[in-house]
Amino acid sequence: MEGEEEIGSPHLAPFVRANREKLRADVVVVSDGAMFAPQTPTLTYGLRGLCYLEVRLRGARRDLHSGAFGGVAPNPIQALGWLLARLKDEKTGRVLIPGFYEKVRPLPQEEKALWPSLDEEALKRELGVEVLPGEEGYSPLERLWARPTLDPNGVWGGYQGEGSKTVIPAEAGMKLSMRLAPDQDPEEVADLAEAYLKAVCPPGYTLEVLRLHGGRPVLTDPFSPPMRLMARALEEVWGRPPVYAREGGTIPVVAELQETLGAPIVLLGLGLPDDNLHAPNEKLDLVNLEKGVAAIRRFHGLLAEELSPGPAGSP
């Protein structure tokens, strides 16, 4: 068991590499990710990668009174707002970091034909929003599954308590996550982002970029022999064939397992879009859990039949 995912699993990749022979397998099954919709068995064949940064800005050497020093002292919160505004284009939704899209792999039309249709109005109702903002020129599913993104995940600085306090803070910061499309490398993207932030940072501030964790994107063959077996198992258990989907999230160990073990990957999502991931009252539907267990049991049986040697003298 490994419980370090939320801090980037720093010990997992070295463990996999050090135990390559012990972990050698015919197939790797990962039961993470989501079903496309309720009662819809789903096989995932792609994951976005991740580059997660913390950006810290410092102005003066201490917090200052805004009456005594306002107008001459640098304000890291203001500078943070300027930096945030320069990260994405307000009209097109595109990330403005030079070179950010250079290695993004184009999405083939034949692959898009595999995807299920998305009920955009239902998604808006689920999220409680009127629009689905994102990169101009791409459908919501493309933006969710196959295009890179940049999102501020947290902003801090200055006085946060009840009432007022006229302070010019000495420090402010933000946390940024960038979901990466196939062929983007998290370290290369971190280099690009850090160089850009330092280039556009206004004078009078010290900027520091911390690289918290990341993961490489993954694409697998949706019609590999193990995926075909899992599709059969899901159809037997659910009574309907699975849909094929990419996943917008990241499972960093999958790329490591794929590269180190060289085994085909089967990604079986059992969550639902309304499971409140990373939010209060996170849940898992018991029906999905039970049917997921049944499907994996059936998959093991089918895999054993596939790998079993035939009668003596047969090929």
Protein backbone atom coordinates (compact mmCIF):
# COMPACT_ATOMS: atom_id res chain seq x y z
CA MET A 1 0.00 0.00 0.00
CA GLU A 2 1.16 3.53 -0.78
CA GLY A 3 -0.47 6.65 0.61
CA GLU A 4 1.63 9.52 -0.68
CA GLU A 5 -0.29 10.51 -3.82
CA GLU A 6 -1.30 13.95 -2.59
CA ILE A 7 2.34 14.89 -1.99
CA GLY A 8 3.50 13.51 -5.34
CA SER A 9 4.43 9.94 -4.25
CA PRO A 10 8.15 10.71 -3.90
CA HIS A 11 9.05 7.13 -2.95
CA LEU A 12 6.88 5.21 -5.40
CA ALA A 13 8.79 5.69 -8.66
CA PRO A 14 12.14 4.74 -7.09
CA PHE A 15 10.46 1.65 -5.59
CA VAL A 16 9.09 0.60 -8.98
CA ARG A 17 12.47 1.04 -10.65
CA ALA A 18 14.31 -0.81 -7.86
CA ASN A 19 11.86 -3.73 -7.98
CA ARG A 20 11.42 -4.05 -11.73
CA GLU A 21 11.79 -7.86 -11.73
CA LYS A 22 9.52 -8.46 -8.74
CA LEU A 23 6.81 -6.30 -10.32
CA ARG A 24 7.10 -7.84 -13.79
CA ALA A 25 3.57 -8.52 -15.05
CA ASP A 26 1.50 -9.46 -18.09
CA VAL A 27 -0.76 -6.45 -17.59
CA VAL A 28 -1.15 -3.55 -15.15
CA VAL A 29 -4.72 -2.80 -14.01
CA VAL A 30 -5.36 0.59 -12.39
CA SER A 31 -8.77 1.11 -10.79
CA ASP A 32 -8.66 4.89 -10.64
CA GLY A 33 -10.48 7.58 -12.56
CA ALA A 34 -14.14 8.01 -13.38
CA MET A 35 -16.98 6.53 -15.36
CA PHE A 36 -18.26 8.81 -18.09
CA ALA A 37 -21.77 8.77 -16.61
CA PRO A 38 -23.88 6.68 -14.20
CA GLN A 39 -24.54 3.13 -15.41
CA THR A 40 -21.91 3.64 -18.11
CA PRO A 41 -18.89 1.30 -17.83
CA THR A 42 -15.83 3.17 -19.01
CA LEU A 43 -12.37 2.20 -20.17
CA THR A 44 -9.85 5.01 -19.95
CA TYR A 45 -6.95 4.97 -22.39
CA GLY A 46 -5.38 8.37 -21.73
CA LEU A 47 -4.37 10.56 -18.78
CA ARG A 48 -3.17 14.12 -18.69
CA GLY A 49 0.09 14.88 -16.96
CA LEU A 50 0.71 17.41 -14.19
CA CYS A 51 3.12 20.20 -13.36
CA TYR A 52 2.43 21.77 -9.94
CA LEU A 53 4.20 24.95 -8.85
CA GLU A 54 4.14 27.27 -5.87
CA VAL A 55 5.05 30.88 -6.63
CA ARG A 56 6.23 33.17 -3.83
CA LEU A 57 6.63 36.94 -4.12
CA ARG A 58 8.43 39.18 -1.63
CA GLY A 59 8.43 42.96 -1.50
CA ALA A 60 9.63 44.83 1.57
CA ARG A 61 11.45 43.09 4.40
CA ARG A 62 8.40 43.32 6.70
CA ASP A 63 4.67 44.07 6.63
CA LEU A 64 4.01 47.80 6.37
CA HIS A 65 1.24 50.25 7.30
CA SER A 66 -0.64 51.34 4.18
CA GLY A 67 -1.01 54.88 5.46
CA ALA A 68 2.65 55.34 6.31
CA PHE A 69 4.03 53.55 3.23
CA GLY A 70 1.21 53.30 0.68
CA GLY A 71 2.35 54.82 -2.57
CA VAL A 72 6.03 53.97 -2.20
CA ALA A 73 6.13 50.36 -0.96
CA PRO A 74 5.87 47.34 -3.27
CA ASN A 75 2.70 45.31 -2.72
CA PRO A 76 3.17 41.58 -3.50
CA ILE A 77 -0.59 41.02 -3.71
CA GLN A 78 -0.88 43.58 -6.48
CA ALA A 79 2.11 42.08 -8.27
CA LEU A 80 0.50 38.65 -7.92
CA GLY A 81 -2.60 39.96 -9.66
CA TRP A 82 -0.48 41.29 -12.53
CA LEU A 83 1.26 37.93 -12.87
CA LEU A 84 -2.02 36.00 -12.85
CA ALA A 85 -3.45 38.28 -15.54
CA ARG A 86 -0.45 37.52 -17.78
CA LEU A 87 -0.73 33.75 -17.55
CA LYS A 88 -3.83 33.31 -19.75
CA ASP A 89 -5.54 35.27 -22.49
CA GLU A 90 -8.90 36.49 -21.25
CA LYS A 91 -10.62 36.17 -24.64
CA THR A 92 -9.16 32.94 -26.05
CA GLY A 93 -8.40 31.08 -22.81
CA ARG A 94 -4.95 30.15 -24.11
CA VAL A 95 -1.96 29.92 -21.81
CA LEU A 96 0.50 32.73 -22.61
CA ILE A 97 3.71 31.00 -21.51
CA PRO A 98 5.98 30.94 -24.60
CA GLY A 99 6.48 27.39 -25.88
CA PHE A 100 3.70 25.96 -23.72
CA TYR A 101 1.86 24.32 -26.64
CA GLU A 102 4.91 23.43 -28.71
CA LYS A 103 4.89 19.68 -27.93
CA VAL A 104 1.14 19.14 -27.60
CA ARG A 105 0.17 16.17 -29.77
CA PRO A 106 -2.72 16.89 -32.17
CA LEU A 107 -5.91 14.92 -31.62
CA PRO A 108 -6.77 12.60 -34.57
CA GLN A 109 -10.33 12.79 -35.87
CA GLU A 110 -10.64 9.00 -35.76
CA GLU A 111 -9.92 9.10 -32.05
CA LYS A 112 -12.57 11.74 -31.44
CA ALA A 113 -15.02 9.41 -33.18
CA LEU A 114 -14.51 6.92 -30.31
CA TRP A 115 -15.73 9.36 -27.69
CA PRO A 116 -19.24 9.45 -26.28
CA SER A 117 -21.29 12.62 -26.66
CA LEU A 118 -21.31 15.10 -23.79
CA ASP A 119 -24.54 16.66 -22.51
CA GLU A 120 -23.18 20.17 -21.99
CA GLU A 121 -26.38 21.50 -20.44
CA ALA A 122 -26.39 18.68 -17.88
CA LEU A 123 -22.78 19.46 -17.05
CA LYS A 124 -23.63 23.12 -16.52
CA ARG A 125 -26.46 22.15 -14.18
CA GLU A 126 -24.17 19.78 -12.26
CA LEU A 127 -21.56 22.50 -11.82
CA GLY A 128 -24.07 25.27 -11.16
CA VAL A 129 -22.67 27.50 -13.91
CA GLU A 130 -24.03 29.23 -17.01
CA VAL A 131 -21.00 28.77 -19.29
CA LEU A 132 -18.15 26.29 -19.73
CA PRO A 133 -15.10 28.52 -20.21
CA GLY A 134 -11.90 27.26 -21.75
CA GLU A 135 -9.56 27.34 -24.72
CA GLU A 136 -11.20 28.81 -27.80
CA GLY A 137 -11.74 26.50 -30.76
CA TYR A 138 -12.03 23.24 -28.83
CA SER A 139 -15.04 21.34 -27.52
CA PRO A 140 -15.51 20.83 -23.77
CA LEU A 141 -14.44 17.17 -24.03
CA GLU A 142 -11.31 18.13 -25.96
CA ARG A 143 -10.48 20.72 -23.31
CA LEU A 144 -11.11 18.20 -20.54
CA TRP A 145 -9.25 15.24 -22.01
CA ALA A 146 -6.76 16.24 -24.67
CA ARG A 147 -5.71 19.86 -24.19
CA PRO A 148 -3.34 21.28 -21.56
CA THR A 149 -4.59 23.73 -18.93
CA LEU A 150 -3.34 26.14 -16.30
CA ASP A 151 -5.30 26.82 -13.11
CA PRO A 152 -4.52 28.79 -9.94
CA ASN A 153 -5.36 26.47 -7.04
CA GLY A 154 -4.72 28.84 -4.15
CA VAL A 155 -3.74 32.44 -3.45
CA TRP A 156 -2.43 33.85 -0.18
CA GLY A 157 -1.07 37.08 1.23
CA GLY A 158 -1.91 39.93 3.57
CA TYR A 159 -4.56 40.12 6.25
CA GLN A 160 -7.16 37.34 6.22
CA GLY A 161 -8.89 37.86 9.58
CA GLU A 162 -12.20 39.44 10.51
CA GLY A 163 -12.57 43.17 10.02
CA SER A 164 -9.93 45.46 8.56
CA LYS A 165 -6.21 45.84 8.94
CA THR A 166 -4.41 48.35 6.75
CA VAL A 167 -1.36 46.29 5.94
CA ILE A 168 0.89 46.12 2.90
CA PRO A 169 2.14 42.54 3.11
CA ALA A 170 5.76 41.63 2.73
CA GLU A 171 4.86 38.35 1.00
CA ALA A 172 2.18 36.82 -1.19
CA GLY A 173 1.94 33.62 -3.17
CA MET A 174 -0.08 31.28 -5.31
CA LYS A 175 -0.22 27.63 -6.23
CA LEU A 176 -0.56 26.67 -9.90
CA SER A 177 -1.43 23.37 -11.51
CA MET A 178 -0.92 22.71 -15.20
CA ARG A 179 -2.52 19.62 -16.70
CA LEU A 180 -0.43 18.39 -19.58
CA ALA A 181 -1.32 16.78 -22.89
CA PRO A 182 0.60 13.87 -24.44
CA ASP A 183 4.23 14.65 -25.32
CA GLN A 184 4.48 17.53 -22.84
CA ASP A 185 7.16 16.97 -20.20
CA PRO A 186 6.47 18.33 -16.68
CA GLU A 187 10.06 19.43 -16.08
CA GLU A 188 10.24 21.23 -19.42
CA VAL A 189 6.92 22.96 -18.73
CA ALA A 190 8.15 23.97 -15.27
CA ASP A 191 11.26 25.49 -16.89
CA LEU A 192 9.11 27.45 -19.34
CA ALA A 193 6.73 28.67 -16.64
CA GLU A 194 9.50 29.74 -14.28
CA ALA A 195 11.37 31.63 -17.00
CA TYR A 196 8.20 33.41 -18.09
CA LEU A 197 7.13 34.37 -14.55
CA LYS A 198 10.56 35.83 -13.85
CA ALA A 199 10.54 37.70 -17.15
CA VAL A 200 7.16 39.38 -16.53
CA CYS A 201 7.58 39.95 -12.79
CA PRO A 202 7.55 43.73 -12.17
CA PRO A 203 10.64 45.37 -10.70
CA GLY A 204 10.94 45.67 -6.94
CA TYR A 205 9.96 42.08 -6.11
CA THR A 206 11.79 38.85 -5.41
CA LEU A 207 10.13 35.86 -7.11
CA GLU A 208 10.70 32.25 -6.10
CA VAL A 209 9.20 29.20 -7.87
CA LEU A 210 8.94 25.89 -6.02
CA ARG A 211 8.29 22.67 -7.97
CA LEU A 212 6.01 20.62 -5.74
CA HIS A 213 5.27 17.58 -7.89
CA GLY A 214 4.24 16.39 -11.31
CA GLY A 215 3.56 13.45 -13.58
CA ARG A 216 3.86 12.58 -17.23
CA PRO A 217 0.81 12.17 -19.48
CA VAL A 218 -0.14 8.70 -20.68
CA LEU A 219 -1.71 7.25 -23.81
CA THR A 220 -2.40 3.54 -24.14
CA ASP A 221 -3.82 1.39 -26.92
CA PRO A 222 -7.61 1.27 -26.41
CA PHE A 223 -7.76 -1.99 -28.36
CA SER A 224 -4.82 -3.89 -26.88
CA PRO A 225 -5.59 -7.55 -26.00
CA PRO A 226 -5.97 -6.80 -22.24
CA MET A 227 -8.26 -3.85 -22.99
CA ARG A 228 -10.40 -6.07 -25.20
CA LEU A 229 -10.67 -8.61 -22.36
CA MET A 230 -11.64 -5.91 -19.86
CA ALA A 231 -14.23 -4.58 -22.32
CA ARG A 232 -15.72 -8.08 -22.50
CA ALA A 233 -15.72 -8.40 -18.70
CA LEU A 234 -17.43 -5.02 -18.28
CA GLU A 235 -20.07 -5.86 -20.84
CA GLU A 236 -20.84 -9.18 -19.12
CA VAL A 237 -21.21 -7.49 -15.71
CA TRP A 238 -22.96 -4.28 -16.72
CA GLY A 239 -24.99 -5.66 -19.60
CA ARG A 240 -23.70 -3.03 -22.02
CA PRO A 241 -20.38 -2.40 -23.78
CA PRO A 242 -18.07 0.19 -22.26
CA VAL A 243 -17.38 3.61 -23.70
CA TYR A 244 -13.79 4.72 -24.32
CA ALA A 245 -12.53 7.92 -22.77
CA ARG A 246 -9.50 9.88 -21.80
CA GLU A 247 -9.21 11.26 -18.28
CA GLY A 248 -8.44 14.86 -17.42
CA GLY A 249 -6.66 13.97 -14.20
CA THR A 250 -3.23 12.53 -13.56
CA ILE A 251 -2.02 9.24 -12.07
CA PRO A 252 1.75 9.74 -12.05
CA VAL A 253 2.64 6.11 -11.32
CA VAL A 254 0.97 4.91 -14.54
CA ALA A 255 3.64 6.48 -16.76
CA GLU A 256 6.32 5.01 -14.49
CA LEU A 257 4.78 1.53 -14.64
CA GLN A 258 4.33 1.77 -18.40
CA GLU A 259 7.93 2.79 -18.98
CA THR A 260 9.63 0.59 -16.37
CA LEU A 261 7.65 -2.63 -16.74
CA GLY A 262 6.77 -2.39 -20.43
CA ALA A 263 3.42 -4.04 -19.70
CA PRO A 264 0.11 -2.98 -21.28
CA ILE A 265 -2.02 -0.73 -19.06
CA VAL A 266 -5.74 -1.13 -18.37
CA LEU A 267 -7.38 1.89 -16.71
CA LEU A 268 -10.76 1.05 -15.22
CA GLY A 269 -12.56 4.07 -13.79
CA LEU A 270 -15.26 3.39 -11.19
CA GLY A 271 -15.98 6.88 -9.83
CA LEU A 272 -18.69 9.29 -10.93
CA PRO A 273 -18.47 12.97 -11.89
CA ASP A 274 -20.46 13.91 -8.77
CA ASP A 275 -18.25 12.00 -6.31
CA ASN A 276 -16.88 15.30 -4.93
CA LEU A 277 -13.23 14.47 -5.53
CA HIS A 278 -10.93 16.62 -3.38
CA ALA A 279 -13.99 18.19 -1.71
CA PRO A 280 -16.13 17.59 1.39
CA ASN A 281 -18.25 14.43 1.38
CA GLU A 282 -16.12 12.60 -1.18
CA LYS A 283 -17.81 9.30 -1.97
CA LEU A 284 -17.88 6.15 -4.09
CA ASP A 285 -21.13 4.57 -5.25
CA LEU A 286 -21.45 1.08 -3.75
CA VAL A 287 -23.03 -0.29 -6.93
CA ASN A 288 -19.97 0.78 -8.87
CA LEU A 289 -17.71 -0.76 -6.25
CA GLU A 290 -19.53 -4.10 -6.36
CA LYS A 291 -19.75 -4.24 -10.15
CA GLY A 292 -16.14 -3.11 -10.41
CA VAL A 293 -15.04 -5.99 -8.21
CA ALA A 294 -17.12 -8.42 -10.28
CA ALA A 295 -15.67 -7.07 -13.54
CA ILE A 296 -12.08 -7.35 -12.30
CA ARG A 297 -12.72 -10.93 -11.13
CA ARG A 298 -14.13 -11.78 -14.54
CA PHE A 299 -11.18 -10.07 -16.24
CA HIS A 300 -8.76 -12.22 -14.21
CA GLY A 301 -10.59 -15.32 -15.40
CA LEU A 302 -10.53 -14.23 -19.03
CA LEU A 303 -6.86 -13.30 -18.77
CA ALA A 304 -6.01 -16.70 -17.28
CA GLU A 305 -7.78 -18.43 -20.17
CA GLU A 306 -5.93 -16.23 -22.66
CA LEU A 307 -2.53 -16.97 -21.11
CA SER A 308 -3.04 -20.66 -20.40
CA PRO A 309 -1.04 -23.01 -22.61
CA GLY A 310 -3.13 -24.98 -25.03
CA PRO A 311 -3.33 -28.79 -25.27
CA ALA A 312 -0.10 -30.69 -25.86
CA GLY A 313 1.10 -30.23 -29.40
CA SER A 314 -0.97 -27.10 -30.00
CA PRO A 315 0.78 -23.78 -30.75
